[in-house]
Amino acid sequence: MNLLHRVELWGDRHHPRWMDIIRIALGIFLCIKGVQFVYNMSELLARVDANLPMPEFAMVVLGHYIFVAHLLGGILLVLGAYTRIASLIQIPIVLGAIFFVNSSRELWRPFPELIVSLVVLLLLVYFLVAGDGQWIIKTDDKTGR
């Protein structure tokens, strides 16, 4: 049994039911952040471009990737489908938010975005390892519905 299979087996055995509620809330939060990103895309991409200069086309592709990944990944997390993949595509975005967007802001103001980004990163790493849990949308194997 390889390492990936053992991690998946451990995640299936050690997943409390209340973490499914947190997974659903995290998915909803990421969907909301994806929509907020669209409204503030030019400002946020300008911050990234100030720290890491990129060609204009690469910035457009990056912006669309962030929006689609947040929206699709959030929906997948809510449904509990492909949770590990959804978490994996979110982690680079949240790391970028921590290093490029939130690092220049004040750390200890009320509801600091850096702390929220760190909590989201920790939850995404947890769901990458633990998986979807017991509350997921499944199809009936016999009827295909």
Protein backbone atom coordinates (compact mmCIF):
# COMPACT_ATOMS: atom_id res chain seq x y z
CA MET A 1 0.00 0.00 0.00
CA ASN A 2 1.55 3.28 -1.05
CA LEU A 3 1.65 6.48 1.00
CA LEU A 4 -1.24 8.17 -0.82
CA HIS A 5 -3.53 5.20 -0.25
CA ARG A 6 -2.60 5.08 3.46
CA VAL A 7 -3.30 8.83 3.87
CA GLU A 8 -6.69 8.38 2.20
CA LEU A 9 -7.52 5.42 4.45
CA TRP A 10 -6.48 7.39 7.56
CA GLY A 11 -8.61 10.35 6.44
CA ASP A 12 -11.65 8.14 5.98
CA ARG A 13 -11.29 6.63 9.45
CA HIS A 14 -10.50 9.84 11.37
CA HIS A 15 -13.06 12.30 10.08
CA PRO A 16 -15.55 13.60 12.66
CA ARG A 17 -19.02 14.45 11.41
CA TRP A 18 -18.85 18.07 12.66
CA MET A 19 -15.95 18.71 10.29
CA ASP A 20 -18.40 18.23 7.43
CA ILE A 21 -20.25 21.34 8.60
CA ILE A 22 -16.95 23.24 8.57
CA ARG A 23 -16.22 21.86 5.07
CA ILE A 24 -19.59 23.13 3.82
CA ALA A 25 -19.03 26.54 5.45
CA LEU A 26 -15.54 26.70 3.91
CA GLY A 27 -17.00 25.95 0.49
CA ILE A 28 -19.60 28.70 0.84
CA PHE A 29 -16.90 31.11 2.06
CA LEU A 30 -14.69 30.34 -0.95
CA CYS A 31 -17.61 30.88 -3.35
CA ILE A 32 -18.28 34.27 -1.76
CA LYS A 33 -14.58 35.16 -1.96
CA GLY A 34 -14.57 34.19 -5.65
CA VAL A 35 -17.43 36.57 -6.36
CA GLN A 36 -15.76 39.32 -4.30
CA PHE A 37 -12.56 38.73 -6.26
CA VAL A 38 -14.35 39.52 -9.52
CA TYR A 39 -15.53 42.87 -8.14
CA ASN A 40 -12.00 43.77 -6.93
CA MET A 41 -9.97 41.95 -9.60
CA SER A 42 -8.07 44.94 -10.95
CA GLU A 43 -6.97 46.14 -7.50
CA LEU A 44 -5.90 42.70 -6.30
CA LEU A 45 -4.07 41.85 -9.51
CA ALA A 46 -2.30 45.21 -9.32
CA ARG A 47 -0.98 44.22 -5.87
CA VAL A 48 0.28 40.92 -7.23
CA ASP A 49 1.83 42.67 -10.23
CA ALA A 50 3.62 45.14 -7.93
CA ASN A 51 5.34 42.26 -6.09
CA LEU A 52 5.77 39.90 -9.03
CA PRO A 53 5.73 41.64 -12.44
CA MET A 54 4.01 39.52 -15.09
CA PRO A 55 2.84 40.07 -18.66
CA GLU A 56 -0.68 41.41 -19.10
CA PHE A 57 -2.02 38.15 -20.58
CA ALA A 58 -0.64 36.14 -17.65
CA MET A 59 -2.42 38.46 -15.21
CA VAL A 60 -5.72 37.97 -17.06
CA VAL A 61 -5.28 34.18 -17.04
CA LEU A 62 -4.36 34.27 -13.34
CA GLY A 63 -7.45 36.34 -12.51
CA HIS A 64 -9.76 33.98 -14.35
CA TYR A 65 -8.09 30.94 -12.78
CA ILE A 66 -8.62 32.37 -9.30
CA PHE A 67 -12.29 33.10 -9.97
CA VAL A 68 -13.08 29.71 -11.51
CA ALA A 69 -11.06 27.81 -8.91
CA HIS A 70 -12.78 29.58 -6.00
CA LEU A 71 -16.25 29.15 -7.45
CA LEU A 72 -15.88 25.57 -8.67
CA GLY A 73 -13.75 24.49 -5.72
CA GLY A 74 -16.22 26.01 -3.27
CA ILE A 75 -19.14 24.21 -4.90
CA LEU A 76 -17.23 20.92 -4.86
CA LEU A 77 -16.39 21.40 -1.18
CA VAL A 78 -20.03 22.11 -0.35
CA LEU A 79 -21.16 18.99 -2.19
CA GLY A 80 -18.32 16.86 -0.83
CA ALA A 81 -17.38 15.74 -4.33
CA TYR A 82 -13.69 15.59 -5.27
CA THR A 83 -12.83 17.29 -1.98
CA ARG A 84 -9.12 16.56 -2.18
CA ILE A 85 -8.82 17.93 -5.71
CA ALA A 86 -10.88 21.01 -4.78
CA SER A 87 -8.61 21.62 -1.79
CA LEU A 88 -5.50 21.10 -3.88
CA ILE A 89 -6.47 23.71 -6.47
CA GLN A 90 -7.30 26.22 -3.71
CA ILE A 91 -4.01 25.97 -1.79
CA PRO A 92 -1.80 27.90 -4.29
CA ILE A 93 -4.39 30.68 -4.45
CA VAL A 94 -4.55 31.04 -0.68
CA LEU A 95 -0.74 30.95 -0.44
CA GLY A 96 -0.62 33.74 -3.02
CA ALA A 97 -3.16 35.70 -0.99
CA ILE A 98 -1.04 35.30 2.12
CA PHE A 99 2.24 36.35 0.49
CA PHE A 100 1.15 38.96 -2.06
CA VAL A 101 -2.10 40.51 -0.85
CA ASN A 102 -2.34 40.20 2.93
CA SER A 103 1.30 40.53 3.93
CA SER A 104 1.33 44.31 3.51
CA ARG A 105 -1.73 44.95 5.64
CA GLU A 106 -1.96 45.54 9.35
CA LEU A 107 -1.91 42.21 11.17
CA TRP A 108 -3.94 42.81 14.33
CA ARG A 109 -6.88 44.93 13.19
CA PRO A 110 -10.42 43.59 13.77
CA PHE A 111 -10.94 40.46 11.65
CA PRO A 112 -7.59 40.58 9.91
CA GLU A 113 -7.59 38.99 6.50
CA LEU A 114 -4.18 37.42 7.07
CA ILE A 115 -5.48 35.38 10.00
CA VAL A 116 -8.56 34.36 7.97
CA SER A 117 -6.30 33.33 5.08
CA LEU A 118 -4.13 31.25 7.41
CA VAL A 119 -7.19 29.50 8.89
CA VAL A 120 -8.52 28.79 5.39
CA LEU A 121 -5.10 27.40 4.39
CA LEU A 122 -5.03 25.10 7.42
CA LEU A 123 -8.56 23.88 6.70
CA LEU A 124 -7.71 23.23 3.05
CA VAL A 125 -4.66 21.20 4.06
CA TYR A 126 -6.83 19.26 6.53
CA PHE A 127 -9.44 18.46 3.86
CA LEU A 128 -6.68 17.57 1.42
CA VAL A 129 -5.60 14.85 3.85
CA ALA A 130 -8.91 13.89 5.48
CA GLY A 131 -11.15 13.95 2.42
CA ASP A 132 -14.86 14.50 2.17
CA GLY A 133 -16.30 12.80 5.25
CA GLN A 134 -19.69 11.20 5.68
CA TRP A 135 -22.04 13.97 4.50
CA ILE A 136 -21.57 13.94 0.76
CA ILE A 137 -23.81 13.92 -2.28
CA LYS A 138 -23.75 10.39 -3.67
CA THR A 139 -25.54 8.72 -6.52
CA ASP A 140 -27.43 5.50 -6.09
CA ASP A 141 -25.25 2.76 -7.55
CA LYS A 142 -28.17 0.58 -8.67
CA THR A 143 -30.26 3.15 -10.51
CA GLY A 144 -27.57 5.62 -11.54
CA ARG A 145 -29.51 8.57 -10.08
